[in-house]
């Protein structure tokens, strides 16, 4: 496992733990469908949330479009569409972003709810 993969896994584990501490129910991690991947799929009460986890050292003034390229956002949305078609969840949908800096201890996730909208793409 490369250092980047190790940090990515550590970041995803920290994000999942953070979400659980906020009473989210984790449904899937690293879900794959039709060559698309969603880092975390979870429930926030009656909302199905698709979460992208990013390891990042500096948060500052975040422009999501600079951090996550347009094609990556489209892939997340397409992956969510496949998941919905397969599972028919009948829930509200939201796309969240969680930034993790695994170099800081303790790890403190930075959570952006409703980071982007499928209608924007």
PDB file of N, CA and C in Angstrom:
ATOM      1  N   UNK A   1       0.845  -1.175   0.000  1.00  0.00           N
ATOM      2  CA  UNK A   1       0.000   0.000   0.000  1.00  0.00           C
ATOM      3  C   UNK A   1       0.890   1.237   0.000  1.00  0.00           C
ATOM      4  N   UNK A   2       0.607   2.190  -0.900  1.00  0.00           N
ATOM      5  CA  UNK A   2       1.398   3.401  -0.963  1.00  0.00           C
ATOM      6  C   UNK A   2       1.048   4.310   0.213  1.00  0.00           C
ATOM      7  N   UNK A   3       1.907   5.293   0.439  1.00  0.00           N
ATOM      8  CA  UNK A   3       1.659   6.251   1.514  1.00  0.00           C
ATOM      9  C   UNK A   3       0.343   6.981   1.258  1.00  0.00           C
ATOM     10  N   UNK A   4       0.098   7.381   0.003  1.00  0.00           N
ATOM     11  CA  UNK A   4      -1.143   8.095  -0.330  1.00  0.00           C
ATOM     12  C   UNK A   4      -2.361   7.226  -0.051  1.00  0.00           C
ATOM     13  N   UNK A   5      -2.302   5.945  -0.428  1.00  0.00           N
ATOM     14  CA  UNK A   5      -3.427   5.051  -0.152  1.00  0.00           C
ATOM     15  C   UNK A   5      -3.645   4.895   1.347  1.00  0.00           C
ATOM     16  N   UNK A   6      -2.559   4.825   2.112  1.00  0.00           N
ATOM     17  CA  UNK A   6      -2.665   4.701   3.558  1.00  0.00           C
ATOM     18  C   UNK A   6      -3.312   5.929   4.168  1.00  0.00           C
ATOM     19  N   UNK A   7      -2.915   7.119   3.705  1.00  0.00           N
ATOM     20  CA  UNK A   7      -3.515   8.362   4.204  1.00  0.00           C
ATOM     21  C   UNK A   7      -4.969   8.452   3.764  1.00  0.00           C
ATOM     22  N   UNK A   8      -5.261   8.003   2.545  1.00  0.00           N
ATOM     23  CA  UNK A   8      -6.639   8.025   2.059  1.00  0.00           C
ATOM     24  C   UNK A   8      -7.534   7.146   2.903  1.00  0.00           C
ATOM     25  N   UNK A   9      -7.071   5.953   3.213  1.00  0.00           N
ATOM     26  CA  UNK A   9      -7.847   5.029   4.042  1.00  0.00           C
ATOM     27  C   UNK A   9      -8.014   5.592   5.447  1.00  0.00           C
ATOM     28  N   UNK A  10      -6.947   6.161   5.989  1.00  0.00           N
ATOM     29  CA  UNK A  10      -7.021   6.766   7.326  1.00  0.00           C
ATOM     30  C   UNK A  10      -8.019   7.926   7.331  1.00  0.00           C
ATOM     31  N   UNK A  11      -8.002   8.732   6.270  1.00  0.00           N
ATOM     32  CA  UNK A  11      -8.942   9.841   6.157  1.00  0.00           C
ATOM     33  C   UNK A  11     -10.375   9.368   6.050  1.00  0.00           C
ATOM     34  N   UNK A  12     -10.611   8.338   5.246  1.00  0.00           N
ATOM     35  CA  UNK A  12     -11.966   7.793   5.107  1.00  0.00           C
ATOM     36  C   UNK A  12     -12.454   7.179   6.423  1.00  0.00           C
ATOM     37  N   UNK A  13     -11.556   6.505   7.128  1.00  0.00           N
ATOM     38  CA  UNK A  13     -11.936   5.950   8.438  1.00  0.00           C
ATOM     39  C   UNK A  13     -12.308   7.067   9.411  1.00  0.00           C
ATOM     40  N   UNK A  14     -11.515   8.140   9.419  1.00  0.00           N
ATOM     41  CA  UNK A  14     -11.797   9.273  10.306  1.00  0.00           C
ATOM     42  C   UNK A  14     -13.120   9.938   9.925  1.00  0.00           C
ATOM     43  N   UNK A  15     -13.385  10.060   8.625  1.00  0.00           N
ATOM     44  CA  UNK A  15     -14.641  10.671   8.173  1.00  0.00           C
ATOM     45  C   UNK A  15     -15.835   9.810   8.588  1.00  0.00           C
ATOM     46  N   UNK A  16     -15.724   8.500   8.426  1.00  0.00           N
ATOM     47  CA  UNK A  16     -16.818   7.601   8.814  1.00  0.00           C
ATOM     48  C   UNK A  16     -17.067   7.685  10.322  1.00  0.00           C
ATOM     49  N   UNK A  17     -15.993   7.705  11.095  1.00  0.00           N
ATOM     50  CA  UNK A  17     -16.128   7.810  12.549  1.00  0.00           C
ATOM     51  C   UNK A  17     -16.783   9.140  12.936  1.00  0.00           C
ATOM     52  N   UNK A  18     -16.376  10.201  12.280  1.00  0.00           N
ATOM     53  CA  UNK A  18     -16.973  11.512  12.532  1.00  0.00           C
ATOM     54  C   UNK A  18     -18.470  11.496  12.221  1.00  0.00           C
ATOM     55  N   UNK A  19     -18.842  10.952  11.065  1.00  0.00           N
ATOM     56  CA  UNK A  19     -20.256  10.905  10.678  1.00  0.00           C
ATOM     57  C   UNK A  19     -21.072  10.089  11.683  1.00  0.00           C
ATOM     58  N   UNK A  20     -20.524   8.969  12.114  1.00  0.00           N
ATOM     59  CA  UNK A  20     -21.224   8.153  13.102  1.00  0.00           C
ATOM     60  C   UNK A  20     -21.401   8.918  14.413  1.00  0.00           C
ATOM     61  N   UNK A  21     -20.414   9.726  14.783  1.00  0.00           N
ATOM     62  CA  UNK A  21     -20.530  10.517  16.013  1.00  0.00           C
ATOM     63  C   UNK A  21     -21.630  11.573  15.902  1.00  0.00           C
ATOM     64  N   UNK A  22     -22.004  11.915  14.673  1.00  0.00           N
ATOM     65  CA  UNK A  22     -23.080  12.879  14.415  1.00  0.00           C
ATOM     66  C   UNK A  22     -24.403  12.167  14.114  1.00  0.00           C
ATOM     67  N   UNK A  23     -24.468  10.865  14.439  1.00  0.00           N
ATOM     68  CA  UNK A  23     -25.670  10.032  14.286  1.00  0.00           C
ATOM     69  C   UNK A  23     -26.043   9.716  12.838  1.00  0.00           C
ATOM     70  N   UNK A  24     -25.089   9.807  11.934  1.00  0.00           N
ATOM     71  CA  UNK A  24     -25.315   9.332  10.576  1.00  0.00           C
ATOM     72  C   UNK A  24     -25.219   7.804  10.605  1.00  0.00           C
ATOM     73  N   UNK A  25     -25.956   7.165   9.747  1.00  0.00           N
ATOM     74  CA  UNK A  25     -25.876   5.707   9.621  1.00  0.00           C
ATOM     75  C   UNK A  25     -25.120   5.405   8.330  1.00  0.00           C
ATOM     76  N   UNK A  26     -23.974   4.759   8.469  1.00  0.00           N
ATOM     77  CA  UNK A  26     -23.160   4.414   7.306  1.00  0.00           C
ATOM     78  C   UNK A  26     -23.784   3.209   6.609  1.00  0.00           C
ATOM     79  N   UNK A  27     -24.091   3.371   5.333  1.00  0.00           N
ATOM     80  CA  UNK A  27     -24.664   2.278   4.548  1.00  0.00           C
ATOM     81  C   UNK A  27     -23.598   1.556   3.731  1.00  0.00           C
ATOM     82  N   UNK A  28     -22.716   2.316   3.112  1.00  0.00           N
ATOM     83  CA  UNK A  28     -21.668   1.748   2.249  1.00  0.00           C
ATOM     84  C   UNK A  28     -20.423   2.604   2.342  1.00  0.00           C
ATOM     85  N   UNK A  29     -19.286   1.930   2.192  1.00  0.00           N
ATOM     86  CA  UNK A  29     -18.009   2.631   2.067  1.00  0.00           C
ATOM     87  C   UNK A  29     -17.331   2.131   0.817  1.00  0.00           C
ATOM     88  N   UNK A  30     -16.731   3.049   0.078  1.00  0.00           N
ATOM     89  CA  UNK A  30     -16.057   2.731  -1.177  1.00  0.00           C
ATOM     90  C   UNK A  30     -16.968   1.942  -2.114  1.00  0.00           C
ATOM     91  N   UNK A  31     -18.197   2.393  -2.227  1.00  0.00           N
ATOM     92  CA  UNK A  31     -19.167   1.733  -3.102  1.00  0.00           C
ATOM     93  C   UNK A  31     -18.775   1.971  -4.556  1.00  0.00           C
ATOM     94  N   UNK A  32     -18.857   0.912  -5.334  1.00  0.00           N
ATOM     95  CA  UNK A  32     -18.529   1.004  -6.761  1.00  0.00           C
ATOM     96  C   UNK A  32     -19.694   0.499  -7.587  1.00  0.00           C
ATOM     97  N   UNK A  33     -19.962   1.237  -8.658  1.00  0.00           N
ATOM     98  CA  UNK A  33     -20.996   0.826  -9.585  1.00  0.00           C
ATOM     99  C   UNK A  33     -20.780   1.511 -10.928  1.00  0.00           C
ATOM    100  N   UNK A  34     -20.835   0.746 -11.988  1.00  0.00           N
ATOM    101  CA  UNK A  34     -20.649   1.291 -13.344  1.00  0.00           C
ATOM    102  C   UNK A  34     -19.358   2.111 -13.437  1.00  0.00           C
ATOM    103  N   UNK A  35     -18.283   1.593 -12.847  1.00  0.00           N
ATOM    104  CA  UNK A  35     -16.953   2.224 -12.889  1.00  0.00           C
ATOM    105  C   UNK A  35     -16.903   3.570 -12.175  1.00  0.00           C
ATOM    106  N   UNK A  36     -17.819   3.802 -11.259  1.00  0.00           N
ATOM    107  CA  UNK A  36     -17.837   5.012 -10.446  1.00  0.00           C
ATOM    108  C   UNK A  36     -17.668   4.600  -8.986  1.00  0.00           C
ATOM    109  N   UNK A  37     -17.113   5.506  -8.182  1.00  0.00           N
ATOM    110  CA  UNK A  37     -16.931   5.203  -6.759  1.00  0.00           C
ATOM    111  C   UNK A  37     -17.450   6.337  -5.898  1.00  0.00           C
ATOM    112  N   UNK A  38     -18.109   5.959  -4.836  1.00  0.00           N
ATOM    113  CA  UNK A  38     -18.562   6.908  -3.812  1.00  0.00           C
ATOM    114  C   UNK A  38     -17.832   6.515  -2.528  1.00  0.00           C
ATOM    115  N   UNK A  39     -17.158   7.484  -1.883  1.00  0.00           N
ATOM    116  CA  UNK A  39     -16.385   7.173  -0.678  1.00  0.00           C
ATOM    117  C   UNK A  39     -17.283   6.656   0.447  1.00  0.00           C
ATOM    118  N   UNK A  40     -18.337   7.395   0.764  1.00  0.00           N
ATOM    119  CA  UNK A  40     -19.243   6.989   1.846  1.00  0.00           C
ATOM    120  C   UNK A  40     -20.676   7.298   1.422  1.00  0.00           C
ATOM    121  N   UNK A  41     -21.551   6.335   1.635  1.00  0.00           N
ATOM    122  CA  UNK A  41     -22.987   6.547   1.455  1.00  0.00           C
ATOM    123  C   UNK A  41     -23.614   6.334   2.823  1.00  0.00           C
ATOM    124  N   UNK A  42     -24.389   7.314   3.269  1.00  0.00           N
ATOM    125  CA  UNK A  42     -24.944   7.232   4.615  1.00  0.00           C
ATOM    126  C   UNK A  42     -26.311   7.906   4.678  1.00  0.00           C
ATOM    127  N   UNK A  43     -26.952   7.721   5.814  1.00  0.00           N
ATOM    128  CA  UNK A  43     -28.235   8.358   6.080  1.00  0.00           C
ATOM    129  C   UNK A  43     -28.065   9.415   7.161  1.00  0.00           C
ATOM    130  N   UNK A  44     -28.606  10.595   6.886  1.00  0.00           N
ATOM    131  CA  UNK A  44     -28.715  11.656   7.873  1.00  0.00           C
ATOM    132  C   UNK A  44     -30.212  11.878   8.055  1.00  0.00           C
ATOM    133  N   UNK A  45     -30.787  11.187   9.004  1.00  0.00           N
ATOM    134  CA  UNK A  45     -32.228  11.135   9.238  1.00  0.00           C
ATOM    135  C   UNK A  45     -32.927  10.642   7.973  1.00  0.00           C
ATOM    136  N   UNK A  46     -33.695  11.483   7.282  1.00  0.00           N
ATOM    137  CA  UNK A  46     -34.419  11.016   6.096  1.00  0.00           C
ATOM    138  C   UNK A  46     -33.710  11.386   4.793  1.00  0.00           C
ATOM    139  N   UNK A  47     -32.425  11.718   4.873  1.00  0.00           N
ATOM    140  CA  UNK A  47     -31.667  12.130   3.698  1.00  0.00           C
ATOM    141  C   UNK A  47     -30.557  11.133   3.404  1.00  0.00           C
ATOM    142  N   UNK A  48     -30.493  10.702   2.148  1.00  0.00           N
ATOM    143  CA  UNK A  48     -29.412   9.844   1.679  1.00  0.00           C
ATOM    144  C   UNK A  48     -28.260  10.757   1.274  1.00  0.00           C
ATOM    145  N   UNK A  49     -27.098  10.551   1.889  1.00  0.00           N
ATOM    146  CA  UNK A  49     -25.966  11.454   1.692  1.00  0.00           C
ATOM    147  C   UNK A  49     -24.820  10.705   1.019  1.00  0.00           C
ATOM    148  N   UNK A  50     -24.330  11.294  -0.074  1.00  0.00           N
ATOM    149  CA  UNK A  50     -23.171  10.776  -0.783  1.00  0.00           C
ATOM    150  C   UNK A  50     -22.001  11.675  -0.397  1.00  0.00           C
ATOM    151  N   UNK A  51     -20.972  11.076   0.196  1.00  0.00           N
ATOM    152  CA  UNK A  51     -19.885  11.856   0.774  1.00  0.00           C
ATOM    153  C   UNK A  51     -18.585  11.588   0.024  1.00  0.00           C
ATOM    154  N   UNK A  52     -17.936  12.671  -0.392  1.00  0.00           N
ATOM    155  CA  UNK A  52     -16.594  12.616  -0.955  1.00  0.00           C
ATOM    156  C   UNK A  52     -15.631  13.040   0.142  1.00  0.00           C
ATOM    157  N   UNK A  53     -14.595  12.245   0.353  1.00  0.00           N
ATOM    158  CA  UNK A  53     -13.605  12.542   1.385  1.00  0.00           C
ATOM    159  C   UNK A  53     -12.312  12.954   0.694  1.00  0.00           C
ATOM    160  N   UNK A  54     -11.765  14.078   1.128  1.00  0.00           N
ATOM    161  CA  UNK A  54     -10.522  14.589   0.557  1.00  0.00           C
ATOM    162  C   UNK A  54      -9.522  14.834   1.661  1.00  0.00           C
ATOM    163  N   UNK A  55      -8.310  14.329   1.469  1.00  0.00           N
ATOM    164  CA  UNK A  55      -7.206  14.665   2.362  1.00  0.00           C
ATOM    165  C   UNK A  55      -6.640  15.984   1.883  1.00  0.00           C
ATOM    166  N   UNK A  56      -6.540  16.927   2.797  1.00  0.00           N
ATOM    167  CA  UNK A  56      -6.062  18.255   2.419  1.00  0.00           C
ATOM    168  C   UNK A  56      -5.425  18.901   3.633  1.00  0.00           C
ATOM    169  N   UNK A  57      -4.273  19.507   3.435  1.00  0.00           N
ATOM    170  CA  UNK A  57      -3.559  20.123   4.545  1.00  0.00           C
ATOM    171  C   UNK A  57      -4.080  21.512   4.865  1.00  0.00           C
ATOM    172  N   UNK A  58      -4.512  22.249   3.858  1.00  0.00           N
ATOM    173  CA  UNK A  58      -4.960  23.621   4.062  1.00  0.00           C
ATOM    174  C   UNK A  58      -6.404  23.730   3.598  1.00  0.00           C
ATOM    175  N   UNK A  59      -7.231  24.352   4.428  1.00  0.00           N
ATOM    176  CA  UNK A  59      -8.633  24.499   4.045  1.00  0.00           C
ATOM    177  C   UNK A  59      -8.899  25.917   3.567  1.00  0.00           C
ATOM    178  N   UNK A  60      -8.586  26.913   4.360  1.00  0.00           N
ATOM    179  CA  UNK A  60      -8.731  28.307   3.964  1.00  0.00           C
ATOM    180  C   UNK A  60     -10.008  28.603   3.199  1.00  0.00           C
ATOM    181  N   UNK A  61      -9.911  29.482   2.237  1.00  0.00           N
ATOM    182  CA  UNK A  61     -11.042  29.823   1.375  1.00  0.00           C
ATOM    183  C   UNK A  61     -11.186  28.721   0.334  1.00  0.00           C
ATOM    184  N   UNK A  62     -12.166  27.876   0.526  1.00  0.00           N
ATOM    185  CA  UNK A  62     -12.311  26.688  -0.307  1.00  0.00           C
ATOM    186  C   UNK A  62     -13.201  26.983  -1.499  1.00  0.00           C
ATOM    187  N   UNK A  63     -12.658  26.745  -2.676  1.00  0.00           N
ATOM    188  CA  UNK A  63     -13.455  26.740  -3.902  1.00  0.00           C
ATOM    189  C   UNK A  63     -13.526  25.281  -4.328  1.00  0.00           C
ATOM    190  N   UNK A  64     -14.678  24.681  -4.100  1.00  0.00           N
ATOM    191  CA  UNK A  64     -14.840  23.248  -4.333  1.00  0.00           C
ATOM    192  C   UNK A  64     -14.462  22.866  -5.761  1.00  0.00           C
ATOM    193  N   UNK A  65     -14.745  23.730  -6.717  1.00  0.00           N
ATOM    194  CA  UNK A  65     -14.456  23.413  -8.121  1.00  0.00           C
ATOM    195  C   UNK A  65     -12.958  23.345  -8.398  1.00  0.00           C
ATOM    196  N   UNK A  66     -12.150  23.991  -7.568  1.00  0.00           N
ATOM    197  CA  UNK A  66     -10.701  23.882  -7.718  1.00  0.00           C
ATOM    198  C   UNK A  66     -10.173  22.601  -7.092  1.00  0.00           C
ATOM    199  N   UNK A  67     -10.799  22.168  -6.016  1.00  0.00           N
ATOM    200  CA  UNK A  67     -10.330  20.995  -5.289  1.00  0.00           C
ATOM    201  C   UNK A  67     -10.818  19.704  -5.937  1.00  0.00           C
ATOM    202  N   UNK A  68     -12.069  19.701  -6.339  1.00  0.00           N
ATOM    203  CA  UNK A  68     -12.640  18.526  -7.004  1.00  0.00           C
ATOM    204  C   UNK A  68     -12.982  18.943  -8.425  1.00  0.00           C
ATOM    205  N   UNK A  69     -12.253  18.401  -9.390  1.00  0.00           N
ATOM    206  CA  UNK A  69     -12.507  18.785 -10.782  1.00  0.00           C
ATOM    207  C   UNK A  69     -13.932  18.446 -11.218  1.00  0.00           C
ATOM    208  N   UNK A  70     -14.392  19.193 -12.200  1.00  0.00           N
ATOM    209  CA  UNK A  70     -15.741  19.036 -12.742  1.00  0.00           C
ATOM    210  C   UNK A  70     -16.039  17.573 -13.100  1.00  0.00           C
ATOM    211  N   UNK A  71     -15.093  16.903 -13.745  1.00  0.00           N
ATOM    212  CA  UNK A  71     -15.340  15.510 -14.150  1.00  0.00           C
ATOM    213  C   UNK A  71     -15.497  14.584 -12.936  1.00  0.00           C
ATOM    214  N   UNK A  72     -14.795  14.874 -11.845  1.00  0.00           N
ATOM    215  CA  UNK A  72     -14.921  14.059 -10.633  1.00  0.00           C
ATOM    216  C   UNK A  72     -16.307  14.249 -10.003  1.00  0.00           C
ATOM    217  N   UNK A  73     -16.779  15.490  -9.972  1.00  0.00           N
ATOM    218  CA  UNK A  73     -18.114  15.752  -9.442  1.00  0.00           C
ATOM    219  C   UNK A  73     -19.159  15.038 -10.292  1.00  0.00           C
ATOM    220  N   UNK A  74     -19.008  15.098 -11.613  1.00  0.00           N
ATOM    221  CA  UNK A  74     -19.943  14.394 -12.497  1.00  0.00           C
ATOM    222  C   UNK A  74     -19.909  12.888 -12.233  1.00  0.00           C
ATOM    223  N   UNK A  75     -18.721  12.332 -11.988  1.00  0.00           N
ATOM    224  CA  UNK A  75     -18.611  10.900 -11.679  1.00  0.00           C
ATOM    225  C   UNK A  75     -19.316  10.555 -10.366  1.00  0.00           C
ATOM    226  N   UNK A  76     -19.192  11.415  -9.376  1.00  0.00           N
ATOM    227  CA  UNK A  76     -19.879  11.192  -8.093  1.00  0.00           C
ATOM    228  C   UNK A  76     -21.387  11.209  -8.317  1.00  0.00           C
ATOM    229  N   UNK A  77     -21.855  12.181  -9.075  1.00  0.00           N
ATOM    230  CA  UNK A  77     -23.287  12.282  -9.359  1.00  0.00           C
ATOM    231  C   UNK A  77     -23.769  11.065 -10.142  1.00  0.00           C
ATOM    232  N   UNK A  78     -23.011  10.649 -11.148  1.00  0.00           N
ATOM    233  CA  UNK A  78     -23.398   9.472 -11.925  1.00  0.00           C
ATOM    234  C   UNK A  78     -23.388   8.219 -11.053  1.00  0.00           C
ATOM    235  N   UNK A  79     -22.398   8.101 -10.178  1.00  0.00           N
ATOM    236  CA  UNK A  79     -22.366   6.972  -9.243  1.00  0.00           C
ATOM    237  C   UNK A  79     -23.589   6.971  -8.341  1.00  0.00           C
ATOM    238  N   UNK A  80     -23.970   8.162  -7.866  1.00  0.00           N
ATOM    239  CA  UNK A  80     -25.170   8.276  -7.020  1.00  0.00           C
ATOM    240  C   UNK A  80     -26.405   7.849  -7.801  1.00  0.00           C
ATOM    241  N   UNK A  81     -26.486   8.242  -9.065  1.00  0.00           N
ATOM    242  CA  UNK A  81     -27.635   7.848  -9.895  1.00  0.00           C
ATOM    243  C   UNK A  81     -27.715   6.329 -10.018  1.00  0.00           C
ATOM    244  N   UNK A  82     -26.579   5.678 -10.235  1.00  0.00           N
ATOM    245  CA  UNK A  82     -26.567   4.206 -10.325  1.00  0.00           C
ATOM    246  C   UNK A  82     -26.999   3.577  -9.008  1.00  0.00           C
ATOM    247  N   UNK A  83     -26.488   4.126  -7.903  1.00  0.00           N
ATOM    248  CA  UNK A  83     -26.859   3.597  -6.589  1.00  0.00           C
ATOM    249  C   UNK A  83     -28.372   3.719  -6.379  1.00  0.00           C
ATOM    250  N   UNK A  84     -28.919   4.864  -6.713  1.00  0.00           N
ATOM    251  CA  UNK A  84     -30.352   5.099  -6.544  1.00  0.00           C
ATOM    252  C   UNK A  84     -31.160   4.147  -7.420  1.00  0.00           C
ATOM    253  N   UNK A  85     -30.731   3.948  -8.658  1.00  0.00           N
ATOM    254  CA  UNK A  85     -31.437   3.015  -9.546  1.00  0.00           C
ATOM    255  C   UNK A  85     -31.418   1.596  -8.989  1.00  0.00           C
ATOM    256  N   UNK A  86     -30.299   1.178  -8.421  1.00  0.00           N
ATOM    257  CA  UNK A  86     -30.170  -0.177  -7.871  1.00  0.00           C
ATOM    258  C   UNK A  86     -30.965  -0.362  -6.580  1.00  0.00           C
ATOM    259  N   UNK A  87     -31.047   0.689  -5.764  1.00  0.00           N
ATOM    260  CA  UNK A  87     -31.581   0.539  -4.413  1.00  0.00           C
ATOM    261  C   UNK A  87     -32.924   1.217  -4.155  1.00  0.00           C
ATOM    262  N   UNK A  88     -33.346   2.112  -5.046  1.00  0.00           N
ATOM    263  CA  UNK A  88     -34.629   2.795  -4.922  1.00  0.00           C
ATOM    264  C   UNK A  88     -34.903   3.262  -3.486  1.00  0.00           C
ATOM    265  N   UNK A  89     -34.051   4.141  -2.950  1.00  0.00           N
ATOM    266  CA  UNK A  89     -34.152   4.483  -1.524  1.00  0.00           C
ATOM    267  C   UNK A  89     -35.327   5.373  -1.122  1.00  0.00           C
ATOM    268  N   UNK A  90     -35.961   6.076  -2.054  1.00  0.00           N
ATOM    269  CA  UNK A  90     -37.094   6.958  -1.715  1.00  0.00           C
ATOM    270  C   UNK A  90     -36.724   7.942  -0.600  1.00  0.00           C
ATOM    271  N   UNK A  91     -35.604   8.596  -0.758  1.00  0.00           N
ATOM    272  CA  UNK A  91     -35.110   9.551   0.244  1.00  0.00           C
ATOM    273  C   UNK A  91     -34.727  10.862  -0.445  1.00  0.00           C
ATOM    274  N   UNK A  92     -34.627  11.912   0.339  1.00  0.00           N
ATOM    275  CA  UNK A  92     -34.003  13.135  -0.150  1.00  0.00           C
ATOM    276  C   UNK A  92     -32.535  12.821  -0.388  1.00  0.00           C
ATOM    277  N   UNK A  93     -31.893  13.547  -1.281  1.00  0.00           N
ATOM    278  CA  UNK A  93     -30.503  13.290  -1.654  1.00  0.00           C
ATOM    279  C   UNK A  93     -29.673  14.532  -1.359  1.00  0.00           C
ATOM    280  N   UNK A  94     -28.436  14.282  -0.877  1.00  0.00           N
ATOM    281  CA  UNK A  94     -27.520  15.387  -0.627  1.00  0.00           C
ATOM    282  C   UNK A  94     -26.098  14.913  -0.936  1.00  0.00           C
ATOM    283  N   UNK A  95     -25.267  15.836  -1.388  1.00  0.00           N
ATOM    284  CA  UNK A  95     -23.855  15.554  -1.653  1.00  0.00           C
ATOM    285  C   UNK A  95     -23.011  16.383  -0.689  1.00  0.00           C
ATOM    286  N   UNK A  96     -22.239  15.702   0.152  1.00  0.00           N
ATOM    287  CA  UNK A  96     -21.390  16.366   1.138  1.00  0.00           C
ATOM    288  C   UNK A  96     -19.923  16.155   0.801  1.00  0.00           C
ATOM    289  N   UNK A  97     -19.112  16.997   1.377  1.00  0.00           N
ATOM    290  CA  UNK A  97     -17.669  16.917   1.227  1.00  0.00           C
ATOM    291  C   UNK A  97     -17.057  16.989   2.615  1.00  0.00           C
ATOM    292  N   UNK A  98     -16.117  16.099   2.884  1.00  0.00           N
ATOM    293  CA  UNK A  98     -15.398  16.138   4.160  1.00  0.00           C
ATOM    294  C   UNK A  98     -13.908  16.229   3.865  1.00  0.00           C
ATOM    295  N   UNK A  99     -13.288  17.280   4.404  1.00  0.00           N
ATOM    296  CA  UNK A  99     -11.848  17.435   4.310  1.00  0.00           C
ATOM    297  C   UNK A  99     -11.226  16.884   5.578  1.00  0.00           C
ATOM    298  N   UNK A 100     -10.136  16.174   5.388  1.00  0.00           N
ATOM    299  CA  UNK A 100      -9.403  15.569   6.499  1.00  0.00           C
ATOM    300  C   UNK A 100      -7.926  15.923   6.338  1.00  0.00           C
ATOM    301  N   UNK A 101      -7.292  16.316   7.418  1.00  0.00           N
ATOM    302  CA  UNK A 101      -5.838  16.461   7.433  1.00  0.00           C
ATOM    303  C   UNK A 101      -5.320  15.399   8.389  1.00  0.00           C
ATOM    304  N   UNK A 102      -4.849  14.285   7.834  1.00  0.00           N
ATOM    305  CA  UNK A 102      -4.402  13.170   8.670  1.00  0.00           C
ATOM    306  C   UNK A 102      -3.082  13.461   9.374  1.00  0.00           C
ATOM    307  N   UNK A 103      -2.417  14.576   9.009  1.00  0.00           N
ATOM    308  CA  UNK A 103      -1.174  14.932   9.685  1.00  0.00           C
ATOM    309  C   UNK A 103      -1.444  15.574  11.046  1.00  0.00           C
ATOM    310  N   UNK A 104      -2.639  16.125  11.232  1.00  0.00           N
ATOM    311  CA  UNK A 104      -2.991  16.741  12.512  1.00  0.00           C
ATOM    312  C   UNK A 104      -3.571  15.695  13.443  1.00  0.00           C
ATOM    313  N   UNK A 105      -3.152  15.711  14.681  1.00  0.00           N
ATOM    314  CA  UNK A 105      -3.707  14.793  15.676  1.00  0.00           C
ATOM    315  C   UNK A 105      -4.210  15.601  16.847  1.00  0.00           C
ATOM    316  N   UNK A 106      -5.408  15.449  17.322  1.00  0.00           N
ATOM    317  CA  UNK A 106      -6.388  14.540  16.738  1.00  0.00           C
ATOM    318  C   UNK A 106      -6.917  15.080  15.409  1.00  0.00           C
ATOM    319  N   UNK A 107      -7.368  14.169  14.571  1.00  0.00           N
ATOM    320  CA  UNK A 107      -7.917  14.536  13.264  1.00  0.00           C
ATOM    321  C   UNK A 107      -9.242  15.249  13.487  1.00  0.00           C
ATOM    322  N   UNK A 108      -9.385  16.416  12.860  1.00  0.00           N
ATOM    323  CA  UNK A 108     -10.619  17.195  12.974  1.00  0.00           C
ATOM    324  C   UNK A 108     -11.204  17.392  11.580  1.00  0.00           C
ATOM    325  N   UNK A 109     -12.227  16.636  11.228  1.00  0.00           N
ATOM    326  CA  UNK A 109     -12.830  16.773   9.902  1.00  0.00           C
ATOM    327  C   UNK A 109     -13.482  18.142   9.702  1.00  0.00           C
ATOM    328  N   UNK A 110     -13.429  18.621   8.485  1.00  0.00           N
ATOM    329  CA  UNK A 110     -14.117  19.839   8.083  1.00  0.00           C
ATOM    330  C   UNK A 110     -15.220  19.400   7.129  1.00  0.00           C
ATOM    331  N   UNK A 111     -16.471  19.523   7.549  1.00  0.00           N
ATOM    332  CA  UNK A 111     -17.620  18.952   6.853  1.00  0.00           C
ATOM    333  C   UNK A 111     -18.406  20.052   6.156  1.00  0.00           C
ATOM    334  N   UNK A 112     -18.571  19.922   4.847  1.00  0.00           N
ATOM    335  CA  UNK A 112     -19.403  20.845   4.084  1.00  0.00           C
ATOM    336  C   UNK A 112     -20.637  20.076   3.633  1.00  0.00           C
ATOM    337  N   UNK A 113     -21.776  20.407   4.224  1.00  0.00           N
ATOM    338  CA  UNK A 113     -23.030  19.780   3.823  1.00  0.00           C
ATOM    339  C   UNK A 113     -23.518  20.442   2.540  1.00  0.00           C
ATOM    340  N   UNK A 114     -24.132  19.613   1.684  1.00  0.00           N
ATOM    341  CA  UNK A 114     -24.696  20.114   0.431  1.00  0.00           C
ATOM    342  C   UNK A 114     -23.638  20.882  -0.357  1.00  0.00           C
ATOM    343  N   UNK A 115     -22.474  20.267  -0.514  1.00  0.00           N
ATOM    344  CA  UNK A 115     -21.324  20.899  -1.150  1.00  0.00           C
ATOM    345  C   UNK A 115     -21.563  21.210  -2.622  1.00  0.00           C
ATOM    346  N   UNK A 116     -22.313  20.366  -3.283  1.00  0.00           N
ATOM    347  CA  UNK A 116     -22.673  20.628  -4.673  1.00  0.00           C
ATOM    348  C   UNK A 116     -24.014  19.976  -4.944  1.00  0.00           C
ATOM    349  N   UNK A 117     -24.604  20.375  -6.042  1.00  0.00           N
ATOM    350  CA  UNK A 117     -25.948  19.926  -6.375  1.00  0.00           C
ATOM    351  C   UNK A 117     -25.944  19.301  -7.758  1.00  0.00           C
ATOM    352  N   UNK A 118     -26.591  18.184  -7.919  1.00  0.00           N
ATOM    353  CA  UNK A 118     -26.630  17.504  -9.205  1.00  0.00           C
ATOM    354  C   UNK A 118     -27.255  18.385 -10.282  1.00  0.00           C
ATOM    355  N   UNK A 119     -28.137  19.282  -9.902  1.00  0.00           N
ATOM    356  CA  UNK A 119     -28.772  20.148 -10.890  1.00  0.00           C
ATOM    357  C   UNK A 119     -27.792  21.164 -11.481  1.00  0.00           C
ATOM    358  N   UNK A 120     -26.666  21.398 -10.798  1.00  0.00           N
ATOM    359  CA  UNK A 120     -25.666  22.336 -11.281  1.00  0.00           C
ATOM    360  C   UNK A 120     -24.791  21.742 -12.388  1.00  0.00           C
ATOM    361  N   UNK A 121     -24.900  20.431 -12.588  1.00  0.00           N
ATOM    362  CA  UNK A 121     -24.005  19.782 -13.538  1.00  0.00           C
ATOM    363  C   UNK A 121     -24.758  19.134 -14.634  1.00  0.00           C
TER     364      UNK A 121
END
